[in-house]
Amino acid sequence: MVKYFFILLILTLGSCKEKINDFYQGKVLDENGFPLEHVVVEEYKMGNRTKSDSLGYFKLKRSENWLGSLVFSKEGYESDTPLSLA
C-alpha cells in the first residue's frame, strides 16, 4: 500500500511541475493609462517577438538560456530601448 502511495505522490508532483520563467507577460499602457494594442514586444537581439492585444496585454515565450532586455515599439511612439543597448 505504501509503495503505491509513493508512486502516486511522485506522479502527482511531477505533473504539477511548472517553470516560472517561461514567459514574459504584462500590459502596455500609454501616458494616460489607456491600453495600447499592436505594440511589438521583443527580446533584444534575439528576434523572438509578439504584439500586445486590444487590451494591451502581451505574453512572450522566453528564449531558453536568455535573460536580457525587452524592447517595446509602436509606430508613432518612442521606443523604450535602454541607452546602453542602443
PDB file of N, CA and C in Angstrom:
ATOM      1  N   MET A   1       0.828  -1.190   0.000  1.00  0.00           N
ATOM      2  CA  MET A   1       0.000   0.000   0.000  1.00  0.00           C
ATOM      3  C   MET A   1       0.877   1.261   0.000  1.00  0.00           C
ATOM      4  N   VAL A   2       1.913   1.268   0.836  1.00  0.00           N
ATOM      5  CA  VAL A   2       2.808   2.416   0.920  1.00  0.00           C
ATOM      6  C   VAL A   2       3.524   2.624  -0.413  1.00  0.00           C
ATOM      7  N   LYS A   3       3.896   1.522  -1.079  1.00  0.00           N
ATOM      8  CA  LYS A   3       4.591   1.601  -2.360  1.00  0.00           C
ATOM      9  C   LYS A   3       3.712   2.312  -3.396  1.00  0.00           C
ATOM     10  N   TYR A   4       2.442   1.975  -3.464  1.00  0.00           N
ATOM     11  CA  TYR A   4       1.530   2.589  -4.432  1.00  0.00           C
ATOM     12  C   TYR A   4       1.305   4.074  -4.125  1.00  0.00           C
ATOM     13  N   PHE A   5       1.229   4.420  -2.848  1.00  0.00           N
ATOM     14  CA  PHE A   5       1.063   5.804  -2.449  1.00  0.00           C
ATOM     15  C   PHE A   5       2.279   6.630  -2.866  1.00  0.00           C
ATOM     16  N   PHE A   6       3.471   6.074  -2.679  1.00  0.00           N
ATOM     17  CA  PHE A   6       4.701   6.758  -3.042  1.00  0.00           C
ATOM     18  C   PHE A   6       4.769   7.019  -4.549  1.00  0.00           C
ATOM     19  N   ILE A   7       4.393   6.009  -5.349  1.00  0.00           N
ATOM     20  CA  ILE A   7       4.392   6.168  -6.807  1.00  0.00           C
ATOM     21  C   ILE A   7       3.376   7.230  -7.224  1.00  0.00           C
ATOM     22  N   LEU A   8       2.196   7.210  -6.621  1.00  0.00           N
ATOM     23  CA  LEU A   8       1.168   8.198  -6.913  1.00  0.00           C
ATOM     24  C   LEU A   8       1.642   9.599  -6.535  1.00  0.00           C
ATOM     25  N   LEU A   9       2.327   9.718  -5.409  1.00  0.00           N
ATOM     26  CA  LEU A   9       2.855  11.004  -4.962  1.00  0.00           C
ATOM     27  C   LEU A   9       3.875  11.544  -5.963  1.00  0.00           C
ATOM     28  N   ILE A  10       4.772  10.695  -6.439  1.00  0.00           N
ATOM     29  CA  ILE A  10       5.773  11.119  -7.415  1.00  0.00           C
ATOM     30  C   ILE A  10       5.103  11.550  -8.714  1.00  0.00           C
ATOM     31  N   LEU A  11       4.120  10.810  -9.194  1.00  0.00           N
ATOM     32  CA  LEU A  11       3.413  11.175 -10.418  1.00  0.00           C
ATOM     33  C   LEU A  11       2.681  12.505 -10.254  1.00  0.00           C
ATOM     34  N   THR A  12       2.079  12.727  -9.096  1.00  0.00           N
ATOM     35  CA  THR A  12       1.354  13.966  -8.839  1.00  0.00           C
ATOM     36  C   THR A  12       2.308  15.148  -8.793  1.00  0.00           C
ATOM     37  N   LEU A  13       3.410  15.016  -8.097  1.00  0.00           N
ATOM     38  CA  LEU A  13       4.385  16.105  -8.015  1.00  0.00           C
ATOM     39  C   LEU A  13       5.002  16.398  -9.370  1.00  0.00           C
ATOM     40  N   GLY A  14       5.260  15.376 -10.154  1.00  0.00           N
ATOM     41  CA  GLY A  14       5.826  15.570 -11.484  1.00  0.00           C
ATOM     42  C   GLY A  14       4.880  16.292 -12.411  1.00  0.00           C
ATOM     43  N   SER A  15       3.590  16.023 -12.281  1.00  0.00           N
ATOM     44  CA  SER A  15       2.626  16.684 -13.163  1.00  0.00           C
ATOM     45  C   SER A  15       2.359  18.123 -12.746  1.00  0.00           C
ATOM     46  N   CYS A  16       2.697  18.488 -11.512  1.00  0.00           N
ATOM     47  CA  CYS A  16       2.480  19.852 -11.025  1.00  0.00           C
ATOM     48  C   CYS A  16       3.667  20.761 -11.297  1.00  0.00           C
ATOM     49  N   LYS A  17       4.732  20.189 -11.801  1.00  0.00           N
ATOM     50  CA  LYS A  17       5.935  20.980 -12.040  1.00  0.00           C
ATOM     51  C   LYS A  17       5.637  22.058 -13.079  1.00  0.00           C
ATOM     52  N   GLU A  18       5.967  23.286 -12.773  1.00  0.00           N
ATOM     53  CA  GLU A  18       5.721  24.410 -13.669  1.00  0.00           C
ATOM     54  C   GLU A  18       6.950  25.300 -13.683  1.00  0.00           C
ATOM     55  N   LYS A  19       7.373  25.660 -14.858  1.00  0.00           N
ATOM     56  CA  LYS A  19       8.500  26.574 -14.964  1.00  0.00           C
ATOM     57  C   LYS A  19       7.977  27.991 -14.820  1.00  0.00           C
ATOM     58  N   ILE A  20       8.502  28.707 -13.864  1.00  0.00           N
ATOM     59  CA  ILE A  20       8.024  30.048 -13.556  1.00  0.00           C
ATOM     60  C   ILE A  20       8.466  31.052 -14.617  1.00  0.00           C
ATOM     61  N   ASN A  21       9.655  30.905 -15.142  1.00  0.00           N
ATOM     62  CA  ASN A  21      10.221  31.919 -16.028  1.00  0.00           C
ATOM     63  C   ASN A  21      10.145  31.563 -17.505  1.00  0.00           C
ATOM     64  N   ASP A  22       9.098  30.870 -17.946  1.00  0.00           N
ATOM     65  CA  ASP A  22       8.971  30.511 -19.354  1.00  0.00           C
ATOM     66  C   ASP A  22       8.447  31.653 -20.210  1.00  0.00           C
ATOM     67  N   PHE A  23       7.788  32.626 -19.599  1.00  0.00           N
ATOM     68  CA  PHE A  23       7.152  33.694 -20.360  1.00  0.00           C
ATOM     69  C   PHE A  23       7.404  35.057 -19.733  1.00  0.00           C
ATOM     70  N   TYR A  24       7.438  36.050 -20.588  1.00  0.00           N
ATOM     71  CA  TYR A  24       7.337  37.436 -20.152  1.00  0.00           C
ATOM     72  C   TYR A  24       5.891  37.809 -20.433  1.00  0.00           C
ATOM     73  N   GLN A  25       5.245  38.473 -19.515  1.00  0.00           N
ATOM     74  CA  GLN A  25       3.879  38.910 -19.764  1.00  0.00           C
ATOM     75  C   GLN A  25       3.610  40.213 -19.034  1.00  0.00           C
ATOM     76  N   GLY A  26       2.680  40.971 -19.573  1.00  0.00           N
ATOM     77  CA  GLY A  26       2.359  42.244 -18.948  1.00  0.00           C
ATOM     78  C   GLY A  26       1.327  42.998 -19.744  1.00  0.00           C
ATOM     79  N   LYS A  27       1.193  44.267 -19.444  1.00  0.00           N
ATOM     80  CA  LYS A  27       0.210  45.129 -20.086  1.00  0.00           C
ATOM     81  C   LYS A  27       0.908  46.430 -20.480  1.00  0.00           C
ATOM     82  N   VAL A  28       0.679  46.877 -21.712  1.00  0.00           N
ATOM     83  CA  VAL A  28       1.288  48.100 -22.218  1.00  0.00           C
ATOM     84  C   VAL A  28       0.245  49.204 -22.166  1.00  0.00           C
ATOM     85  N   LEU A  29       0.605  50.308 -21.504  1.00  0.00           N
ATOM     86  CA  LEU A  29      -0.307  51.443 -21.352  1.00  0.00           C
ATOM     87  C   LEU A  29       0.329  52.699 -21.915  1.00  0.00           C
ATOM     88  N   ASP A  30      -0.510  53.638 -22.372  1.00  0.00           N
ATOM     89  CA  ASP A  30       0.018  54.923 -22.818  1.00  0.00           C
ATOM     90  C   ASP A  30       0.177  55.851 -21.618  1.00  0.00           C
ATOM     91  N   GLU A  31       0.591  57.091 -21.863  1.00  0.00           N
ATOM     92  CA  GLU A  31       0.855  58.033 -20.770  1.00  0.00           C
ATOM     93  C   GLU A  31      -0.394  58.396 -19.970  1.00  0.00           C
ATOM     94  N   ASN A  32      -1.571  58.120 -20.529  1.00  0.00           N
ATOM     95  CA  ASN A  32      -2.834  58.399 -19.825  1.00  0.00           C
ATOM     96  C   ASN A  32      -3.425  57.160 -19.154  1.00  0.00           C
ATOM     97  N   GLY A  33      -2.714  56.046 -19.227  1.00  0.00           N
ATOM     98  CA  GLY A  33      -3.178  54.820 -18.589  1.00  0.00           C
ATOM     99  C   GLY A  33      -4.099  53.977 -19.449  1.00  0.00           C
ATOM    100  N   PHE A  34      -4.226  54.311 -20.737  1.00  0.00           N
ATOM    101  CA  PHE A  34      -5.069  53.535 -21.639  1.00  0.00           C
ATOM    102  C   PHE A  34      -4.244  52.430 -22.295  1.00  0.00           C
ATOM    103  N   PRO A  35      -4.841  51.255 -22.505  1.00  0.00           N
ATOM    104  CA  PRO A  35      -4.098  50.153 -23.118  1.00  0.00           C
ATOM    105  C   PRO A  35      -3.716  50.457 -24.562  1.00  0.00           C
ATOM    106  N   LEU A  36      -2.529  49.995 -24.949  1.00  0.00           N
ATOM    107  CA  LEU A  36      -2.045  50.158 -26.317  1.00  0.00           C
ATOM    108  C   LEU A  36      -2.022  48.796 -27.001  1.00  0.00           C
ATOM    109  N   GLU A  37      -2.678  48.712 -28.157  1.00  0.00           N
ATOM    110  CA  GLU A  37      -2.645  47.457 -28.898  1.00  0.00           C
ATOM    111  C   GLU A  37      -1.606  47.522 -30.009  1.00  0.00           C
ATOM    112  N   HIS A  38      -1.219  46.364 -30.487  1.00  0.00           N
ATOM    113  CA  HIS A  38      -0.254  46.217 -31.584  1.00  0.00           C
ATOM    114  C   HIS A  38       1.119  46.789 -31.259  1.00  0.00           C
ATOM    115  N   VAL A  39       1.491  46.800 -29.992  1.00  0.00           N
ATOM    116  CA  VAL A  39       2.852  47.179 -29.608  1.00  0.00           C
ATOM    117  C   VAL A  39       3.730  45.942 -29.786  1.00  0.00           C
ATOM    118  N   VAL A  40       4.826  46.099 -30.496  1.00  0.00           N
ATOM    119  CA  VAL A  40       5.753  44.987 -30.703  1.00  0.00           C
ATOM    120  C   VAL A  40       6.618  44.856 -29.456  1.00  0.00           C
ATOM    121  N   VAL A  41       6.628  43.659 -28.887  1.00  0.00           N
ATOM    122  CA  VAL A  41       7.442  43.347 -27.708  1.00  0.00           C
ATOM    123  C   VAL A  41       8.422  42.271 -28.141  1.00  0.00           C
ATOM    124  N   GLU A  42       9.723  42.555 -28.006  1.00  0.00           N
ATOM    125  CA  GLU A  42      10.707  41.568 -28.452  1.00  0.00           C
ATOM    126  C   GLU A  42      11.897  41.489 -27.513  1.00  0.00           C
ATOM    127  N   GLU A  43      12.517  40.330 -27.525  1.00  0.00           N
ATOM    128  CA  GLU A  43      13.761  40.147 -26.790  1.00  0.00           C
ATOM    129  C   GLU A  43      14.868  40.818 -27.606  1.00  0.00           C
ATOM    130  N   TYR A  44      15.624  41.671 -26.960  1.00  0.00           N
ATOM    131  CA  TYR A  44      16.676  42.416 -27.639  1.00  0.00           C
ATOM    132  C   TYR A  44      17.690  41.481 -28.283  1.00  0.00           C
ATOM    133  N   LYS A  45      17.901  41.647 -29.574  1.00  0.00           N
ATOM    134  CA  LYS A  45      18.871  40.894 -30.382  1.00  0.00           C
ATOM    135  C   LYS A  45      18.583  39.403 -30.482  1.00  0.00           C
ATOM    136  N   MET A  46      17.366  38.977 -30.167  1.00  0.00           N
ATOM    137  CA  MET A  46      17.034  37.555 -30.280  1.00  0.00           C
ATOM    138  C   MET A  46      16.012  37.288 -31.384  1.00  0.00           C
ATOM    139  N   GLY A  47      15.213  38.269 -31.745  1.00  0.00           N
ATOM    140  CA  GLY A  47      14.236  38.085 -32.804  1.00  0.00           C
ATOM    141  C   GLY A  47      12.921  37.479 -32.340  1.00  0.00           C
ATOM    142  N   ASN A  48      12.849  37.048 -31.096  1.00  0.00           N
ATOM    143  CA  ASN A  48      11.611  36.491 -30.549  1.00  0.00           C
ATOM    144  C   ASN A  48      10.688  37.648 -30.221  1.00  0.00           C
ATOM    145  N   ARG A  49       9.494  37.683 -30.823  1.00  0.00           N
ATOM    146  CA  ARG A  49       8.612  38.832 -30.631  1.00  0.00           C
ATOM    147  C   ARG A  49       7.147  38.432 -30.621  1.00  0.00           C
ATOM    148  N   THR A  50       6.340  39.368 -30.105  1.00  0.00           N
ATOM    149  CA  THR A  50       4.888  39.247 -30.108  1.00  0.00           C
ATOM    150  C   THR A  50       4.314  40.654 -30.157  1.00  0.00           C
ATOM    151  N   LYS A  51       2.986  40.756 -30.195  1.00  0.00           N
ATOM    152  CA  LYS A  51       2.319  42.062 -30.165  1.00  0.00           C
ATOM    153  C   LYS A  51       1.281  42.067 -29.056  1.00  0.00           C
ATOM    154  N   SER A  52       1.046  43.250 -28.503  1.00  0.00           N
ATOM    155  CA  SER A  52       0.015  43.374 -27.478  1.00  0.00           C
ATOM    156  C   SER A  52      -1.366  43.291 -28.130  1.00  0.00           C
ATOM    157  N   ASP A  53      -2.339  42.803 -27.368  1.00  0.00           N
ATOM    158  CA  ASP A  53      -3.695  42.661 -27.893  1.00  0.00           C
ATOM    159  C   ASP A  53      -4.492  43.951 -27.706  1.00  0.00           C
ATOM    160  N   SER A  54      -5.779  43.904 -27.964  1.00  0.00           N
ATOM    161  CA  SER A  54      -6.618  45.103 -27.910  1.00  0.00           C
ATOM    162  C   SER A  54      -6.738  45.681 -26.507  1.00  0.00           C
ATOM    163  N   LEU A  55      -6.416  44.893 -25.479  1.00  0.00           N
ATOM    164  CA  LEU A  55      -6.453  45.379 -24.100  1.00  0.00           C
ATOM    165  C   LEU A  55      -5.056  45.723 -23.588  1.00  0.00           C
ATOM    166  N   GLY A  56      -4.064  45.650 -24.470  1.00  0.00           N
ATOM    167  CA  GLY A  56      -2.696  45.994 -24.108  1.00  0.00           C
ATOM    168  C   GLY A  56      -1.883  44.852 -23.527  1.00  0.00           C
ATOM    169  N   TYR A  57      -2.489  43.672 -23.382  1.00  0.00           N
ATOM    170  CA  TYR A  57      -1.774  42.542 -22.784  1.00  0.00           C
ATOM    171  C   TYR A  57      -0.874  41.851 -23.803  1.00  0.00           C
ATOM    172  N   PHE A  58       0.262  41.352 -23.322  1.00  0.00           N
ATOM    173  CA  PHE A  58       1.144  40.557 -24.165  1.00  0.00           C
ATOM    174  C   PHE A  58       1.680  39.389 -23.356  1.00  0.00           C
ATOM    175  N   LYS A  59       2.047  38.335 -24.057  1.00  0.00           N
ATOM    176  CA  LYS A  59       2.699  37.177 -23.459  1.00  0.00           C
ATOM    177  C   LYS A  59       3.714  36.688 -24.474  1.00  0.00           C
ATOM    178  N   LEU A  60       4.977  36.670 -24.070  1.00  0.00           N
ATOM    179  CA  LEU A  60       6.075  36.315 -24.956  1.00  0.00           C
ATOM    180  C   LEU A  60       6.850  35.157 -24.366  1.00  0.00           C
ATOM    181  N   LYS A  61       6.955  34.081 -25.132  1.00  0.00           N
ATOM    182  CA  LYS A  61       7.743  32.940 -24.666  1.00  0.00           C
ATOM    183  C   LYS A  61       9.204  33.340 -24.619  1.00  0.00           C
ATOM    184  N   ARG A  62       9.820  33.082 -23.493  1.00  0.00           N
ATOM    185  CA  ARG A  62      11.225  33.446 -23.292  1.00  0.00           C
ATOM    186  C   ARG A  62      12.129  32.436 -23.972  1.00  0.00           C
ATOM    187  N   SER A  63      13.136  32.935 -24.673  1.00  0.00           N
ATOM    188  CA  SER A  63      14.131  32.054 -25.270  1.00  0.00           C
ATOM    189  C   SER A  63      14.901  31.362 -24.155  1.00  0.00           C
ATOM    190  N   GLU A  64      15.189  30.099 -24.365  1.00  0.00           N
ATOM    191  CA  GLU A  64      15.897  29.330 -23.346  1.00  0.00           C
ATOM    192  C   GLU A  64      17.301  29.878 -23.133  1.00  0.00           C
ATOM    193  N   ASN A  65      17.723  29.918 -21.901  1.00  0.00           N
ATOM    194  CA  ASN A  65      19.062  30.383 -21.509  1.00  0.00           C
ATOM    195  C   ASN A  65      19.331  31.820 -21.922  1.00  0.00           C
ATOM    196  N   TRP A  66      18.300  32.631 -21.990  1.00  0.00           N
ATOM    197  CA  TRP A  66      18.474  34.044 -22.331  1.00  0.00           C
ATOM    198  C   TRP A  66      17.778  34.877 -21.285  1.00  0.00           C
ATOM    199  N   LEU A  67      18.488  35.851 -20.780  1.00  0.00           N
ATOM    200  CA  LEU A  67      17.901  36.799 -19.851  1.00  0.00           C
ATOM    201  C   LEU A  67      18.491  38.152 -20.214  1.00  0.00           C
ATOM    202  N   GLY A  68      17.667  39.004 -20.784  1.00  0.00           N
ATOM    203  CA  GLY A  68      18.153  40.290 -21.248  1.00  0.00           C
ATOM    204  C   GLY A  68      17.052  41.324 -21.168  1.00  0.00           C
ATOM    205  N   SER A  69      17.072  42.255 -22.092  1.00  0.00           N
ATOM    206  CA  SER A  69      16.099  43.348 -22.090  1.00  0.00           C
ATOM    207  C   SER A  69      15.007  43.108 -23.118  1.00  0.00           C
ATOM    208  N   LEU A  70      13.808  43.546 -22.772  1.00  0.00           N
ATOM    209  CA  LEU A  70      12.714  43.561 -23.723  1.00  0.00           C
ATOM    210  C   LEU A  70      12.637  44.948 -24.329  1.00  0.00           C
ATOM    211  N   VAL A  71      12.322  45.000 -25.609  1.00  0.00           N
ATOM    212  CA  VAL A  71      12.166  46.269 -26.315  1.00  0.00           C
ATOM    213  C   VAL A  71      10.705  46.381 -26.752  1.00  0.00           C
ATOM    214  N   PHE A  72      10.101  47.542 -26.463  1.00  0.00           N
ATOM    215  CA  PHE A  72       8.720  47.818 -26.835  1.00  0.00           C
ATOM    216  C   PHE A  72       8.733  48.881 -27.911  1.00  0.00           C
ATOM    217  N   SER A  73       8.026  48.642 -29.019  1.00  0.00           N
ATOM    218  CA  SER A  73       7.991  49.642 -30.081  1.00  0.00           C
ATOM    219  C   SER A  73       6.626  49.670 -30.750  1.00  0.00           C
ATOM    220  N   LYS A  74       6.243  50.878 -31.175  1.00  0.00           N
ATOM    221  CA  LYS A  74       4.982  51.087 -31.885  1.00  0.00           C
ATOM    222  C   LYS A  74       5.151  52.337 -32.727  1.00  0.00           C
ATOM    223  N   GLU A  75       4.642  52.286 -33.956  1.00  0.00           N
ATOM    224  CA  GLU A  75       4.737  53.433 -34.845  1.00  0.00           C
ATOM    225  C   GLU A  75       4.066  54.643 -34.201  1.00  0.00           C
ATOM    226  N   GLY A  76       4.755  55.770 -34.228  1.00  0.00           N
ATOM    227  CA  GLY A  76       4.229  56.993 -33.645  1.00  0.00           C
ATOM    228  C   GLY A  76       4.633  57.198 -32.196  1.00  0.00           C
ATOM    229  N   TYR A  77       5.356  56.233 -31.617  1.00  0.00           N
ATOM    230  CA  TYR A  77       5.816  56.322 -30.226  1.00  0.00           C
ATOM    231  C   TYR A  77       7.321  56.128 -30.189  1.00  0.00           C
ATOM    232  N   GLU A  78       7.960  56.694 -29.181  1.00  0.00           N
ATOM    233  CA  GLU A  78       9.387  56.457 -28.973  1.00  0.00           C
ATOM    234  C   GLU A  78       9.569  55.069 -28.387  1.00  0.00           C
ATOM    235  N   SER A  79      10.601  54.379 -28.831  1.00  0.00           N
ATOM    236  CA  SER A  79      10.924  53.071 -28.274  1.00  0.00           C
ATOM    237  C   SER A  79      11.539  53.255 -26.905  1.00  0.00           C
ATOM    238  N   ASP A  80      11.390  52.268 -26.049  1.00  0.00           N
ATOM    239  CA  ASP A  80      11.971  52.369 -24.710  1.00  0.00           C
ATOM    240  C   ASP A  80      13.315  51.672 -24.638  1.00  0.00           C
ATOM    241  N   THR A  81      13.990  51.497 -25.785  1.00  0.00           N
ATOM    242  CA  THR A  81      15.277  50.813 -25.804  1.00  0.00           C
ATOM    243  C   THR A  81      16.228  51.488 -24.836  1.00  0.00           C
ATOM    244  N   PRO A  82      16.764  50.723 -23.883  1.00  0.00           N
ATOM    245  CA  PRO A  82      17.715  51.307 -22.930  1.00  0.00           C
ATOM    246  C   PRO A  82      18.913  51.918 -23.648  1.00  0.00           C
ATOM    247  N   LEU A  83      19.402  53.035 -23.138  1.00  0.00           N
ATOM    248  CA  LEU A  83      20.523  53.723 -23.771  1.00  0.00           C
ATOM    249  C   LEU A  83      21.739  52.835 -23.914  1.00  0.00           C
ATOM    250  N   SER A  84      21.929  51.927 -22.975  1.00  0.00           N
ATOM    251  CA  SER A  84      23.098  51.052 -23.039  1.00  0.00           C
ATOM    252  C   SER A  84      22.968  50.026 -24.168  1.00  0.00           C
ATOM    253  N   LEU A  85      21.757  49.840 -24.708  1.00  0.00           N
ATOM    254  CA  LEU A  85      21.563  48.870 -25.772  1.00  0.00           C
ATOM    255  C   LEU A  85      21.524  49.517 -27.150  1.00  0.00           C
ATOM    256  N   ALA A  86      21.275  50.811 -27.189  1.00  0.00           N
ATOM    257  CA  ALA A  86      21.090  51.487 -28.490  1.00  0.00           C
ATOM    258  C   ALA A  86      22.366  51.551 -29.288  1.00  0.00           C
TER     259      ALA A  86
END
